[in-house]
PDB file of N, CA and C in Angstrom:
ATOM      1  N   MET A   1       0.828  -1.193   0.000  1.00  0.00           N
ATOM      2  CA  MET A   1       0.000   0.000   0.000  1.00  0.00           C
ATOM      3  C   MET A   1       0.873   1.258   0.000  1.00  0.00           C
ATOM      4  N   PHE A   2       1.939   1.227   0.760  1.00  0.00           N
ATOM      5  CA  PHE A   2       2.837   2.372   0.844  1.00  0.00           C
ATOM      6  C   PHE A   2       3.474   2.668  -0.512  1.00  0.00           C
ATOM      7  N   PHE A   3       3.893   1.614  -1.216  1.00  0.00           N
ATOM      8  CA  PHE A   3       4.522   1.801  -2.527  1.00  0.00           C
ATOM      9  C   PHE A   3       3.513   2.297  -3.562  1.00  0.00           C
ATOM     10  N   GLY A   4       2.273   1.947  -3.399  1.00  0.00           N
ATOM     11  CA  GLY A   4       1.230   2.443  -4.287  1.00  0.00           C
ATOM     12  C   GLY A   4       1.096   3.949  -4.203  1.00  0.00           C
ATOM     13  N   TRP A   5       1.128   4.478  -2.975  1.00  0.00           N
ATOM     14  CA  TRP A   5       1.040   5.926  -2.789  1.00  0.00           C
ATOM     15  C   TRP A   5       2.260   6.631  -3.367  1.00  0.00           C
ATOM     16  N   ILE A   6       3.416   6.038  -3.197  1.00  0.00           N
ATOM     17  CA  ILE A   6       4.634   6.629  -3.758  1.00  0.00           C
ATOM     18  C   ILE A   6       4.531   6.684  -5.283  1.00  0.00           C
ATOM     19  N   LEU A   7       4.010   5.619  -5.879  1.00  0.00           N
ATOM     20  CA  LEU A   7       3.838   5.591  -7.328  1.00  0.00           C
ATOM     21  C   LEU A   7       2.849   6.658  -7.792  1.00  0.00           C
ATOM     22  N   VAL A   8       1.745   6.807  -7.086  1.00  0.00           N
ATOM     23  CA  VAL A   8       0.747   7.822  -7.434  1.00  0.00           C
ATOM     24  C   VAL A   8       1.342   9.218  -7.326  1.00  0.00           C
ATOM     25  N   ILE A   9       2.065   9.476  -6.268  1.00  0.00           N
ATOM     26  CA  ILE A   9       2.687  10.792  -6.069  1.00  0.00           C
ATOM     27  C   ILE A   9       3.716  11.061  -7.162  1.00  0.00           C
ATOM     28  N   ALA A  10       4.491  10.051  -7.523  1.00  0.00           N
ATOM     29  CA  ALA A  10       5.505  10.223  -8.569  1.00  0.00           C
ATOM     30  C   ALA A  10       4.853  10.538  -9.909  1.00  0.00           C
ATOM     31  N   VAL A  11       3.779   9.853 -10.249  1.00  0.00           N
ATOM     32  CA  VAL A  11       3.090  10.096 -11.510  1.00  0.00           C
ATOM     33  C   VAL A  11       2.494  11.503 -11.532  1.00  0.00           C
ATOM     34  N   VAL A  12       1.862  11.904 -10.452  1.00  0.00           N
ATOM     35  CA  VAL A  12       1.278  13.250 -10.378  1.00  0.00           C
ATOM     36  C   VAL A  12       2.375  14.301 -10.498  1.00  0.00           C
ATOM     37  N   TYR A  13       3.488  14.092  -9.841  1.00  0.00           N
ATOM     38  CA  TYR A  13       4.605  15.034  -9.907  1.00  0.00           C
ATOM     39  C   TYR A  13       5.101  15.184 -11.348  1.00  0.00           C
ATOM     40  N   LEU A  14       5.278  14.063 -12.037  1.00  0.00           N
ATOM     41  CA  LEU A  14       5.774  14.119 -13.414  1.00  0.00           C
ATOM     42  C   LEU A  14       4.781  14.804 -14.347  1.00  0.00           C
ATOM     43  N   LEU A  15       3.495  14.598 -14.123  1.00  0.00           N
ATOM     44  CA  LEU A  15       2.484  15.251 -14.948  1.00  0.00           C
ATOM     45  C   LEU A  15       2.427  16.753 -14.704  1.00  0.00           C
ATOM     46  N   VAL A  16       2.545  17.146 -13.447  1.00  0.00           N
ATOM     47  CA  VAL A  16       2.480  18.569 -13.100  1.00  0.00           C
ATOM     48  C   VAL A  16       3.757  19.283 -13.508  1.00  0.00           C
ATOM     49  N   LYS A  17       4.874  18.643 -13.295  1.00  0.00           N
ATOM     50  CA  LYS A  17       6.171  19.248 -13.606  1.00  0.00           C
ATOM     51  C   LYS A  17       6.269  19.552 -15.088  1.00  0.00           C
ATOM     52  N   GLY A  18       5.930  18.593 -15.925  1.00  0.00           N
ATOM     53  CA  GLY A  18       5.958  18.788 -17.373  1.00  0.00           C
ATOM     54  C   GLY A  18       7.367  18.945 -17.898  1.00  0.00           C
ATOM     55  N   ASP A  19       7.463  19.018 -19.199  1.00  0.00           N
ATOM     56  CA  ASP A  19       8.739  19.211 -19.864  1.00  0.00           C
ATOM     57  C   ASP A  19       8.810  20.655 -20.335  1.00  0.00           C
ATOM     58  N   THR A  20       9.839  21.374 -19.911  1.00  0.00           N
ATOM     59  CA  THR A  20       9.939  22.795 -20.251  1.00  0.00           C
ATOM     60  C   THR A  20      10.280  23.007 -21.718  1.00  0.00           C
ATOM     61  N   LYS A  21      10.776  21.994 -22.409  1.00  0.00           N
ATOM     62  CA  LYS A  21      11.129  22.142 -23.815  1.00  0.00           C
ATOM     63  C   LYS A  21       9.905  22.055 -24.725  1.00  0.00           C
ATOM     64  N   VAL A  22       8.855  21.464 -24.254  1.00  0.00           N
ATOM     65  CA  VAL A  22       7.652  21.300 -25.065  1.00  0.00           C
ATOM     66  C   VAL A  22       6.719  22.468 -24.796  1.00  0.00           C
ATOM     67  N   ASN A  23       6.337  23.152 -25.869  1.00  0.00           N
ATOM     68  CA  ASN A  23       5.434  24.290 -25.739  1.00  0.00           C
ATOM     69  C   ASN A  23       4.285  24.078 -26.718  1.00  0.00           C
ATOM     70  N   PHE A  24       3.142  23.658 -26.193  1.00  0.00           N
ATOM     71  CA  PHE A  24       2.013  23.340 -27.041  1.00  0.00           C
ATOM     72  C   PHE A  24       1.252  24.575 -27.495  1.00  0.00           C
ATOM     73  N   THR A  25       1.516  25.724 -26.923  1.00  0.00           N
ATOM     74  CA  THR A  25       0.773  26.923 -27.292  1.00  0.00           C
ATOM     75  C   THR A  25       1.326  27.583 -28.540  1.00  0.00           C
ATOM     76  N   GLN A  26       2.591  27.351 -28.864  1.00  0.00           N
ATOM     77  CA  GLN A  26       3.194  27.977 -30.035  1.00  0.00           C
ATOM     78  C   GLN A  26       3.443  26.909 -31.090  1.00  0.00           C
ATOM     79  N   LYS A  27       2.550  26.837 -32.061  1.00  0.00           N
ATOM     80  CA  LYS A  27       2.709  25.900 -33.154  1.00  0.00           C
ATOM     81  C   LYS A  27       3.304  26.640 -34.343  1.00  0.00           C
ATOM     82  N   GLU A  28       4.090  25.915 -35.109  1.00  0.00           N
ATOM     83  CA  GLU A  28       4.665  26.519 -36.298  1.00  0.00           C
ATOM     84  C   GLU A  28       3.582  26.772 -37.335  1.00  0.00           C
ATOM     85  N   SER A  29       3.660  27.924 -37.960  1.00  0.00           N
ATOM     86  CA  SER A  29       2.720  28.225 -39.033  1.00  0.00           C
ATOM     87  C   SER A  29       3.152  27.473 -40.288  1.00  0.00           C
ATOM     88  N   PRO A  30       2.240  27.287 -41.231  1.00  0.00           N
ATOM     89  CA  PRO A  30       2.613  26.621 -42.481  1.00  0.00           C
ATOM     90  C   PRO A  30       3.754  27.334 -43.201  1.00  0.00           C
ATOM     91  N   GLU A  31       3.758  28.654 -43.137  1.00  0.00           N
ATOM     92  CA  GLU A  31       4.832  29.398 -43.799  1.00  0.00           C
ATOM     93  C   GLU A  31       6.177  29.158 -43.114  1.00  0.00           C
ATOM     94  N   GLN A  32       6.190  29.048 -41.808  1.00  0.00           N
ATOM     95  CA  GLN A  32       7.431  28.757 -41.087  1.00  0.00           C
ATOM     96  C   GLN A  32       7.959  27.378 -41.458  1.00  0.00           C
ATOM     97  N   LYS A  33       7.058  26.396 -41.553  1.00  0.00           N
ATOM     98  CA  LYS A  33       7.470  25.048 -41.942  1.00  0.00           C
ATOM     99  C   LYS A  33       8.007  25.040 -43.367  1.00  0.00           C
ATOM    100  N   LEU A  34       7.346  25.780 -44.246  1.00  0.00           N
ATOM    101  CA  LEU A  34       7.783  25.863 -45.633  1.00  0.00           C
ATOM    102  C   LEU A  34       9.164  26.503 -45.725  1.00  0.00           C
ATOM    103  N   LYS A  35       9.363  27.576 -44.985  1.00  0.00           N
ATOM    104  CA  LYS A  35      10.650  28.266 -44.982  1.00  0.00           C
ATOM    105  C   LYS A  35      11.754  27.341 -44.469  1.00  0.00           C
ATOM    106  N   GLU A  36      11.446  26.565 -43.453  1.00  0.00           N
ATOM    107  CA  GLU A  36      12.417  25.622 -42.894  1.00  0.00           C
ATOM    108  C   GLU A  36      12.800  24.554 -43.938  1.00  0.00           C
ATOM    109  N   ARG A  37      11.825  24.078 -44.684  1.00  0.00           N
ATOM    110  CA  ARG A  37      12.103  23.090 -45.734  1.00  0.00           C
ATOM    111  C   ARG A  37      12.995  23.683 -46.816  1.00  0.00           C
ATOM    112  N   TYR A  38      12.760  24.939 -47.164  1.00  0.00           N
ATOM    113  CA  TYR A  38      13.580  25.622 -48.168  1.00  0.00           C
ATOM    114  C   TYR A  38      15.008  25.810 -47.665  1.00  0.00           C
ATOM    115  N   ILE A  39      15.141  26.249 -46.436  1.00  0.00           N
ATOM    116  CA  ILE A  39      16.467  26.471 -45.854  1.00  0.00           C
ATOM    117  C   ILE A  39      17.254  25.166 -45.764  1.00  0.00           C
ATOM    118  N   ASN A  40      16.563  24.071 -45.449  1.00  0.00           N
ATOM    119  CA  ASN A  40      17.238  22.774 -45.322  1.00  0.00           C
ATOM    120  C   ASN A  40      17.536  22.133 -46.676  1.00  0.00           C
ATOM    121  N   GLY A  41      17.100  22.770 -47.758  1.00  0.00           N
ATOM    122  CA  GLY A  41      17.380  22.253 -49.085  1.00  0.00           C
ATOM    123  C   GLY A  41      16.441  21.146 -49.536  1.00  0.00           C
ATOM    124  N   GLU A  42      15.327  20.980 -48.840  1.00  0.00           N
ATOM    125  CA  GLU A  42      14.368  19.944 -49.208  1.00  0.00           C
ATOM    126  C   GLU A  42      13.577  20.320 -50.457  1.00  0.00           C
ATOM    127  N   ILE A  43      13.388  21.620 -50.676  1.00  0.00           N
ATOM    128  CA  ILE A  43      12.669  22.092 -51.862  1.00  0.00           C
ATOM    129  C   ILE A  43      13.484  23.213 -52.500  1.00  0.00           C
ATOM    130  N   ASP A  44      13.275  23.435 -53.808  1.00  0.00           N
ATOM    131  CA  ASP A  44      14.000  24.498 -54.497  1.00  0.00           C
ATOM    132  C   ASP A  44      13.225  25.819 -54.411  1.00  0.00           C
ATOM    133  N   GLU A  45      13.837  26.877 -54.940  1.00  0.00           N
ATOM    134  CA  GLU A  45      13.249  28.208 -54.821  1.00  0.00           C
ATOM    135  C   GLU A  45      11.910  28.308 -55.546  1.00  0.00           C
ATOM    136  N   GLU A  46      11.826  27.709 -56.717  1.00  0.00           N
ATOM    137  CA  GLU A  46      10.581  27.767 -57.487  1.00  0.00           C
ATOM    138  C   GLU A  46       9.429  27.116 -56.711  1.00  0.00           C
ATOM    139  N   THR A  47       9.701  25.964 -56.146  1.00  0.00           N
ATOM    140  CA  THR A  47       8.681  25.259 -55.360  1.00  0.00           C
ATOM    141  C   THR A  47       8.315  26.072 -54.120  1.00  0.00           C
ATOM    142  N   TYR A  48       9.325  26.650 -53.484  1.00  0.00           N
ATOM    143  CA  TYR A  48       9.077  27.481 -52.297  1.00  0.00           C
ATOM    144  C   TYR A  48       8.135  28.644 -52.619  1.00  0.00           C
ATOM    145  N   LEU A  49       8.442  29.368 -53.694  1.00  0.00           N
ATOM    146  CA  LEU A  49       7.631  30.530 -54.056  1.00  0.00           C
ATOM    147  C   LEU A  49       6.213  30.124 -54.456  1.00  0.00           C
ATOM    148  N   ARG A  50       6.093  29.005 -55.189  1.00  0.00           N
ATOM    149  CA  ARG A  50       4.767  28.528 -55.602  1.00  0.00           C
ATOM    150  C   ARG A  50       3.939  28.124 -54.384  1.00  0.00           C
ATOM    151  N   MET A  51       4.548  27.395 -53.475  1.00  0.00           N
ATOM    152  CA  MET A  51       3.813  26.939 -52.286  1.00  0.00           C
ATOM    153  C   MET A  51       3.482  28.104 -51.365  1.00  0.00           C
ATOM    154  N   LYS A  52       4.365  29.087 -51.302  1.00  0.00           N
ATOM    155  CA  LYS A  52       4.114  30.260 -50.484  1.00  0.00           C
ATOM    156  C   LYS A  52       2.901  31.035 -51.008  1.00  0.00           C
ATOM    157  N   SER A  53       2.809  31.141 -52.343  1.00  0.00           N
ATOM    158  CA  SER A  53       1.658  31.846 -52.909  1.00  0.00           C
ATOM    159  C   SER A  53       0.368  31.072 -52.663  1.00  0.00           C
ATOM    160  N   VAL A  54       0.444  29.753 -52.640  1.00  0.00           N
ATOM    161  CA  VAL A  54      -0.745  28.945 -52.332  1.00  0.00           C
ATOM    162  C   VAL A  54      -1.177  29.167 -50.887  1.00  0.00           C
ATOM    163  N   ILE A  55      -0.214  29.232 -49.994  1.00  0.00           N
ATOM    164  CA  ILE A  55      -0.522  29.459 -48.571  1.00  0.00           C
ATOM    165  C   ILE A  55      -1.226  30.803 -48.383  1.00  0.00           C
ATOM    166  N   HIS A  56      -0.759  31.811 -49.088  1.00  0.00           N
ATOM    167  CA  HIS A  56      -1.336  33.155 -48.945  1.00  0.00           C
ATOM    168  C   HIS A  56      -2.581  33.357 -49.805  1.00  0.00           C
ATOM    169  N   GLY A  57      -2.934  32.360 -50.598  1.00  0.00           N
ATOM    170  CA  GLY A  57      -4.153  32.432 -51.399  1.00  0.00           C
ATOM    171  C   GLY A  57      -4.038  33.331 -52.614  1.00  0.00           C
ATOM    172  N   LYS A  58      -2.865  33.495 -53.141  1.00  0.00           N
ATOM    173  CA  LYS A  58      -2.678  34.382 -54.311  1.00  0.00           C
ATOM    174  C   LYS A  58      -2.640  33.561 -55.572  1.00  0.00           C
TER     175      LYS A  58
END
C-alpha cells in the first residue's frame, strides 16, 4: 500500500512538472514550416515561391 502511494505521487509530480522544452501553445505556421524546408534544401526556390503563394491564397 505504501509503494502504491509513492507511485501515485511520482506520476502526479511528473504530470504537473511537465517538460519545459515542449510548448504546445506555439505551433509553427505553415509558412514557417515551408521556410524551414527551403532552408534545409528539401525544396528548391521555385517550389518554395509557388507553395508560399498557395498558402497566402494568391
